[in-house]
Protein backbone atom coordinates (compact mmCIF):
# COMPACT_ATOMS: atom_id res chain seq x y z
CA MET A 1 31.88 15.69 -3.72
CA THR A 2 29.95 18.38 -1.85
CA LYS A 3 27.01 17.49 0.38
CA SER A 4 24.53 19.19 -1.95
CA SER A 5 25.90 17.24 -4.91
CA LYS A 6 25.59 13.99 -3.00
CA ASN A 7 22.02 14.83 -2.02
CA ARG A 8 21.15 15.54 -5.65
CA ARG A 9 22.64 12.19 -6.59
CA GLU A 10 20.38 10.50 -4.06
CA PHE A 11 17.32 11.77 -5.88
CA VAL A 12 18.81 11.06 -9.31
CA HIS A 13 19.47 7.43 -8.39
CA GLY A 14 16.42 6.95 -6.17
CA PHE A 15 13.76 8.83 -8.13
CA ARG A 16 12.27 5.79 -9.87
CA PRO A 17 11.99 3.61 -6.75
CA LEU A 18 10.57 6.63 -4.90
CA ALA A 19 7.93 7.15 -7.58
CA GLY A 20 7.03 3.47 -7.43
CA ALA A 21 6.74 3.69 -3.65
CA VAL A 22 4.42 6.72 -3.85
CA ILE A 23 2.11 4.90 -6.25
CA GLY A 24 2.25 1.70 -4.22
CA ALA A 25 1.49 3.48 -0.97
CA GLY A 26 -1.44 5.30 -2.56
CA CYS A 27 -2.90 2.12 -4.03
CA GLY A 28 -2.40 -0.11 -1.01
CA LEU A 29 -4.73 -1.69 1.50
CA SER A 30 -4.30 0.95 4.21
CA SER A 31 -5.00 3.77 1.73
CA ILE A 32 -7.72 2.63 -0.67
CA SER A 33 -9.78 0.44 1.65
CA PHE A 34 -9.52 2.80 4.61
CA TYR A 35 -10.32 6.03 2.79
CA THR A 36 -13.07 4.67 0.53
CA HIS A 37 -14.95 2.72 3.18
CA GLY A 38 -17.03 5.69 4.26
CA ALA A 39 -18.03 6.37 0.66
CA PHE A 40 -19.30 2.81 0.27
CA ILE A 41 -21.33 2.73 3.50
CA PRO A 42 -24.50 4.62 2.37
CA ALA A 43 -24.96 2.45 -0.73
CA ILE A 44 -24.29 -0.82 1.12
CA ALA A 45 -26.57 0.13 4.00
CA ALA A 46 -29.40 1.07 1.64
CA ASP A 47 -29.08 -2.20 -0.25
CA THR A 48 -28.61 -4.60 2.66
CA GLY A 49 -30.22 -2.92 5.67
CA TRP A 50 -27.01 -3.26 7.67
CA THR A 51 -26.34 -0.38 10.03
CA ARG A 52 -23.43 2.04 9.77
CA GLY A 53 -22.00 0.59 12.98
CA GLN A 54 -22.12 -2.94 11.58
CA LEU A 55 -20.41 -1.84 8.38
CA GLN A 56 -17.78 0.17 10.20
CA LEU A 57 -16.63 -3.03 11.88
CA GLY A 58 -15.22 -4.11 8.52
CA VAL A 59 -12.48 -1.49 8.49
CA THR A 60 -11.88 -2.10 12.20
CA ILE A 61 -11.16 -5.73 11.38
CA MET A 62 -8.68 -4.60 8.74
CA ILE A 63 -6.84 -2.36 11.21
CA LEU A 64 -6.67 -5.09 13.85
CA MET A 65 -5.44 -7.62 11.31
CA ALA A 66 -2.69 -5.20 10.24
CA VAL A 67 -1.31 -5.29 13.78
CA VAL A 68 -0.85 -9.04 13.37
CA THR A 69 0.28 -9.16 9.75
CA ALA A 70 2.76 -6.26 9.69
CA PRO A 71 5.50 -8.13 11.62
CA VAL A 72 4.97 -11.18 9.41
CA VAL A 73 5.34 -9.01 6.32
CA GLY A 74 8.56 -7.62 7.75
CA LEU A 75 9.95 -11.14 8.12
CA LEU A 76 8.91 -12.04 4.57
CA VAL A 77 10.55 -8.89 3.22
CA ASP A 78 13.80 -9.80 4.98
CA ARG A 79 13.72 -13.21 3.33
CA PHE A 80 12.29 -12.56 -0.15
CA GLY A 81 12.69 -8.81 -0.72
CA ALA A 82 10.13 -6.01 -0.78
CA ARG A 83 9.71 -5.99 -4.55
CA ARG A 84 8.70 -9.65 -4.73
CA ILE A 85 6.26 -9.30 -1.85
CA ALA A 86 4.71 -6.17 -3.37
CA LEU A 87 4.27 -7.72 -6.82
CA THR A 88 2.58 -10.72 -5.24
CA SER A 89 0.31 -8.73 -2.94
CA ILE A 90 -0.96 -6.13 -5.42
CA PRO A 91 -2.96 -8.57 -7.59
CA LEU A 92 -4.13 -10.38 -4.45
CA TYR A 93 -5.36 -7.06 -3.13
CA GLY A 94 -7.26 -6.43 -6.34
CA ILE A 95 -8.88 -9.87 -6.19
CA THR A 96 -9.87 -9.64 -2.54
CA LEU A 97 -11.08 -6.04 -2.86
CA ALA A 98 -13.35 -7.12 -5.70
CA GLY A 99 -14.35 -10.08 -3.55
CA LEU A 100 -16.22 -7.77 -1.18
CA SER A 101 -18.85 -7.49 -3.91
CA LEU A 102 -19.73 -11.14 -3.32
CA ALA A 103 -21.04 -10.59 0.22
CA THR A 104 -24.39 -12.31 0.71
CA ASP A 105 -27.33 -11.30 2.88
CA SER A 106 -25.31 -12.47 5.90
CA ILE A 107 -23.02 -9.74 7.18
CA TRP A 108 -20.58 -12.41 8.31
CA THR A 109 -19.64 -12.99 4.67
CA TYR A 110 -18.82 -9.27 4.48
CA TYR A 111 -16.62 -9.54 7.54
CA LEU A 112 -14.96 -12.65 6.12
CA GLY A 113 -14.12 -10.68 2.99
CA TRP A 114 -12.31 -8.08 5.09
CA ILE A 115 -10.38 -10.75 6.98
CA VAL A 116 -9.21 -12.47 3.79
CA MET A 117 -8.32 -9.14 2.21
CA ALA A 118 -6.30 -8.04 5.24
CA LEU A 119 -4.37 -11.31 5.25
CA LEU A 120 -3.59 -11.60 1.53
CA SER A 121 -3.00 -7.88 0.92
CA ALA A 122 -0.67 -7.20 3.84
CA GLY A 123 2.19 -6.88 1.37
CA THR A 124 0.81 -3.51 0.29
CA LEU A 125 1.12 -1.96 3.77
CA PRO A 126 3.44 1.07 4.23
CA ILE A 127 6.25 -1.11 5.64
CA ILE A 128 6.91 -2.38 2.09
CA TRP A 129 7.30 1.05 0.53
CA THR A 130 9.20 2.75 3.34
CA ARG A 131 11.62 -0.16 3.64
CA VAL A 132 12.88 0.32 0.10
CA VAL A 133 12.89 4.12 0.24
CA THR A 134 15.10 4.12 3.34
CA SER A 135 17.61 1.94 1.49
CA TRP A 136 17.86 4.44 -1.39
CA PHE A 137 18.07 7.64 0.66
CA HIS A 138 20.41 8.67 3.47
CA ASP A 139 20.78 12.44 3.85
CA TYR A 140 17.33 13.12 2.37
CA ARG A 141 15.65 10.12 3.96
CA GLY A 142 13.08 12.15 5.91
CA ILE A 143 11.96 14.05 2.83
CA ALA A 144 11.82 10.87 0.78
CA LEU A 145 9.68 9.13 3.40
CA GLY A 146 7.37 12.15 3.52
CA ILE A 147 6.98 12.04 -0.25
CA THR A 148 6.26 8.30 -0.09
CA LEU A 149 3.50 8.66 2.48
CA ALA A 150 2.03 11.56 0.52
CA GLY A 151 0.69 8.80 -1.71
CA THR A 152 -1.85 8.02 1.01
CA GLY A 153 -2.92 11.66 1.01
CA ILE A 154 -3.48 11.53 -2.74
CA ALA A 155 -5.63 8.43 -2.25
CA ALA A 156 -7.58 10.12 0.54
CA THR A 157 -8.30 13.06 -1.77
CA LEU A 158 -9.24 11.28 -4.97
CA ALA A 159 -10.51 7.80 -4.13
CA PRO A 160 -13.69 8.66 -2.14
CA SER A 161 -15.00 10.89 -4.94
CA LEU A 162 -14.30 8.14 -7.45
CA VAL A 163 -16.18 5.61 -5.33
CA LEU A 164 -19.18 7.91 -4.93
CA GLN A 165 -19.36 8.29 -8.70
CA LEU A 166 -18.99 4.56 -9.31
CA THR A 167 -21.64 3.59 -6.76
CA ALA A 168 -24.06 6.19 -8.11
CA GLU A 169 -23.68 4.88 -11.66
CA HIS A 170 -23.22 1.15 -11.13
CA GLY A 171 -24.10 0.19 -7.55
CA TRP A 172 -21.72 -0.73 -4.76
CA ARG A 173 -21.00 -4.28 -5.92
CA VAL A 174 -19.83 -3.27 -9.39
CA ALA A 175 -18.07 -0.28 -7.84
CA TYR A 176 -15.89 -2.61 -5.76
CA VAL A 177 -14.93 -4.57 -8.87
CA LEU A 178 -14.14 -1.42 -10.87
CA LEU A 179 -12.15 0.09 -8.01
CA ALA A 180 -10.13 -3.10 -7.70
CA LEU A 181 -9.45 -3.08 -11.44
CA ILE A 182 -8.38 0.58 -11.43
CA VAL A 183 -6.05 0.12 -8.46
CA THR A 184 -4.44 -2.98 -9.95
CA VAL A 185 -3.97 -1.43 -13.39
CA ILE A 186 -2.29 1.61 -11.86
CA ALA A 187 -0.18 -0.08 -9.19
CA LEU A 188 1.04 -3.34 -10.73
CA PRO A 189 2.86 -2.01 -13.81
CA SER A 190 4.16 1.03 -11.91
CA VAL A 191 5.67 -1.09 -9.15
CA PHE A 192 6.99 -3.62 -11.66
CA LEU A 193 8.78 -0.96 -13.71
CA LEU A 194 9.92 1.42 -10.96
CA PHE A 195 10.12 -0.23 -7.56
CA ARG A 196 13.20 -2.19 -6.55
CA GLU A 197 15.83 -2.45 -3.86
CA PRO A 198 19.30 -1.07 -4.59
CA VAL A 199 22.20 -3.41 -5.23
CA ALA A 200 25.29 -3.09 -3.06
CA SER A 201 27.09 -0.68 -5.40
CA GLU A 202 24.06 1.63 -5.50
CA THR A 203 23.81 1.57 -1.72
CA ASN A 204 27.44 2.68 -1.53
CA VAL A 205 26.70 5.60 -3.85
CA GLN A 206 23.94 6.81 -1.55
CA SER A 207 26.06 6.54 1.59
CA GLY A 208 29.26 7.80 -0.03
CA SER A 209 31.25 4.94 1.45
CA SER A 210 33.25 2.14 -0.08
CA ALA A 211 31.51 -0.46 2.03
CA VAL A 212 28.08 -0.84 3.51
CA ASP A 213 28.25 -0.10 7.22
CA GLY A 214 26.18 -2.24 9.48
CA LYS A 215 25.43 -2.90 13.12
CA SER A 216 24.78 -6.04 15.06
CA LEU A 217 21.26 -6.79 16.24
CA ARG A 218 22.35 -6.01 19.80
CA GLU A 219 23.76 -2.60 18.75
CA ALA A 220 20.65 -1.76 16.74
């Protein structure tokens, strides 16, 4: 088999998981919440009187929490698999994203919402999607990873405009609920139908070997 033929086979066998990873990455915590936060700020500030600086701390909390949760997610993926973690975290992300609409007059309830969301939705971070893509692709791994993370660019392009429209028509609280519903409806069935790790025989097809090569932890 020529190298070009093998590369084509990588995309033939890995196209569905790659598509699921793109959608998952675009609908995850680090995409939707990060890129839409700025679009929510004017409406929240006008309604609550909280300053832009106070509101910006919410996304800062999310970023700091990701530093803590990402290694934990990696351990959970090693034990339970990326697909199971993703399918658990997507609905939790939808619930906790909608939960931001329940913030009271105390800004600490708003911050608490971000903390809970960052903890329960960590299974939608990029580590989930890239982990599976790297197991499907070998020679075209760089391109496949680039395509996967393009999902965040799609979210950055489309999601803020959607939020501005939702907040203008329904207010920021209902907008959070609708955004959560849209993200869940798009991501959950897509990941369920498309996203999965390869079995051993499929891994061998990608690598072109008769056995899966590995290295010890010390060698790695």
